[in-house]
Amino acid sequence: MLIEIIQSDDQLLKIALSGKLDALGISGQELKFHAMLNSQNSPVILDFSGVTFVASMGIRMLLTAARDILRQGHTLKIEKAKDEIRKVFLTAGLSDLLL
């Protein structure tokens, strides 16, 4: 998984994720990801246009991030997810929370 900040200001944190969000893909990147989110008190948008696969470890990472952002009084949303990624979130019952 690769992480790139697209926008970071008081109004919005927008991050592009790419690659696989599985145990191997998030290994070593998860702490960096959460540090980015927790360093800013604003809504978060994740650009998923480059994400090719999401496994249970990736879902856990996203749910933890969403919970932390909600505690700050903001939202975390995913945009530009491929259809197969959207289906994973729908199947897991997470479309309202993340999409």
Protein backbone atom coordinates (compact mmCIF):
# COMPACT_ATOMS: atom_id res chain seq x y z
CA MET A 1 0.00 0.00 0.00
CA LEU A 2 1.22 3.47 -0.86
CA ILE A 3 -0.03 6.64 0.84
CA GLU A 4 0.02 10.11 -0.70
CA ILE A 5 -1.41 13.28 0.82
CA ILE A 6 -3.35 15.20 -1.82
CA GLN A 7 -4.74 17.99 0.36
CA SER A 8 -4.01 18.91 3.94
CA ASP A 9 -5.50 22.02 5.51
CA ASP A 10 -7.97 23.06 8.21
CA GLN A 11 -10.93 22.16 6.02
CA LEU A 12 -9.98 18.72 4.69
CA LEU A 13 -7.42 15.94 4.69
CA LYS A 14 -7.45 14.07 1.39
CA ILE A 15 -5.26 11.00 1.03
CA ALA A 16 -4.75 8.74 -1.98
CA LEU A 17 -4.21 5.08 -1.19
CA SER A 18 -2.97 2.61 -3.78
CA GLY A 19 -2.10 -1.06 -3.92
CA LYS A 20 -3.44 -3.86 -1.77
CA LEU A 21 -4.98 -3.31 1.65
CA ASP A 22 -4.15 -6.73 3.02
CA ALA A 23 -1.86 -7.90 5.83
CA LEU A 24 1.25 -7.55 3.68
CA GLY A 25 0.16 -4.29 2.07
CA ILE A 26 -0.65 -2.42 5.27
CA SER A 27 2.31 -3.81 7.18
CA GLY A 28 4.55 -0.90 8.07
CA GLN A 29 2.10 1.62 6.60
CA GLU A 30 -0.76 1.38 9.09
CA LEU A 31 0.98 3.41 11.81
CA LYS A 32 1.93 6.09 9.28
CA PHE A 33 -1.67 6.17 8.03
CA HIS A 34 -3.15 6.59 11.52
CA ALA A 35 -0.55 9.21 12.44
CA MET A 36 -1.58 11.27 9.40
CA LEU A 37 -5.24 11.06 10.37
CA ASN A 38 -4.67 11.86 14.03
CA SER A 39 -2.39 14.81 13.33
CA GLN A 40 -5.20 16.79 11.75
CA ASN A 41 -8.62 17.68 13.09
CA SER A 42 -10.72 17.78 9.92
CA PRO A 43 -12.90 15.59 7.72
CA VAL A 44 -11.01 12.94 5.76
CA ILE A 45 -11.52 11.72 2.20
CA LEU A 46 -9.67 8.65 0.99
CA ASP A 47 -9.14 8.40 -2.77
CA PHE A 48 -9.35 4.69 -3.55
CA SER A 49 -8.83 4.95 -7.32
CA GLY A 50 -5.50 3.11 -6.97
CA VAL A 51 -6.65 0.44 -4.50
CA THR A 52 -6.75 -2.99 -6.12
CA PHE A 53 -7.74 -5.24 -3.22
CA VAL A 54 -9.15 -4.96 0.31
CA ALA A 55 -8.88 -7.82 2.82
CA SER A 56 -10.12 -8.05 6.40
CA MET A 57 -6.96 -6.36 7.74
CA GLY A 58 -7.59 -3.40 5.45
CA ILE A 59 -11.20 -3.20 6.59
CA ARG A 60 -10.04 -3.23 10.23
CA MET A 61 -7.60 -0.41 9.50
CA LEU A 62 -10.37 1.65 7.87
CA LEU A 63 -12.87 1.00 10.68
CA THR A 64 -10.31 2.04 13.29
CA ALA A 65 -9.60 5.20 11.30
CA ALA A 66 -13.31 5.97 10.89
CA ARG A 67 -13.89 5.51 14.63
CA ASP A 68 -11.02 7.85 15.49
CA ILE A 69 -12.23 10.50 13.03
CA LEU A 70 -15.80 10.25 14.35
CA ARG A 71 -14.50 10.81 17.89
CA GLN A 72 -13.01 14.09 16.62
CA GLY A 73 -16.45 15.07 15.36
CA HIS A 74 -15.64 14.60 11.68
CA THR A 75 -16.26 12.05 8.93
CA LEU A 76 -14.16 9.68 6.89
CA LYS A 77 -15.38 8.88 3.39
CA ILE A 78 -14.01 6.87 0.52
CA GLU A 79 -14.28 8.07 -3.06
CA LYS A 80 -13.41 6.64 -6.47
CA ALA A 81 -13.44 3.01 -5.30
CA LYS A 82 -13.60 0.41 -8.07
CA ASP A 83 -16.79 -1.65 -8.28
CA GLU A 84 -15.17 -4.77 -6.80
CA ILE A 85 -13.94 -2.73 -3.81
CA ARG A 86 -17.40 -1.17 -3.36
CA LYS A 87 -18.88 -4.69 -3.33
CA VAL A 88 -16.56 -5.66 -0.47
CA PHE A 89 -17.85 -2.73 1.60
CA LEU A 90 -21.46 -3.50 0.67
CA THR A 91 -21.04 -7.17 1.61
CA ALA A 92 -19.45 -6.21 4.93
CA GLY A 93 -22.30 -3.79 5.64
CA LEU A 94 -19.99 -0.78 5.67
CA SER A 95 -21.24 1.23 2.72
CA ASP A 96 -23.12 3.76 4.88
CA LEU A 97 -20.09 4.31 7.07
CA LEU A 98 -17.42 4.58 4.41
CA LEU A 99 -18.93 5.29 0.99
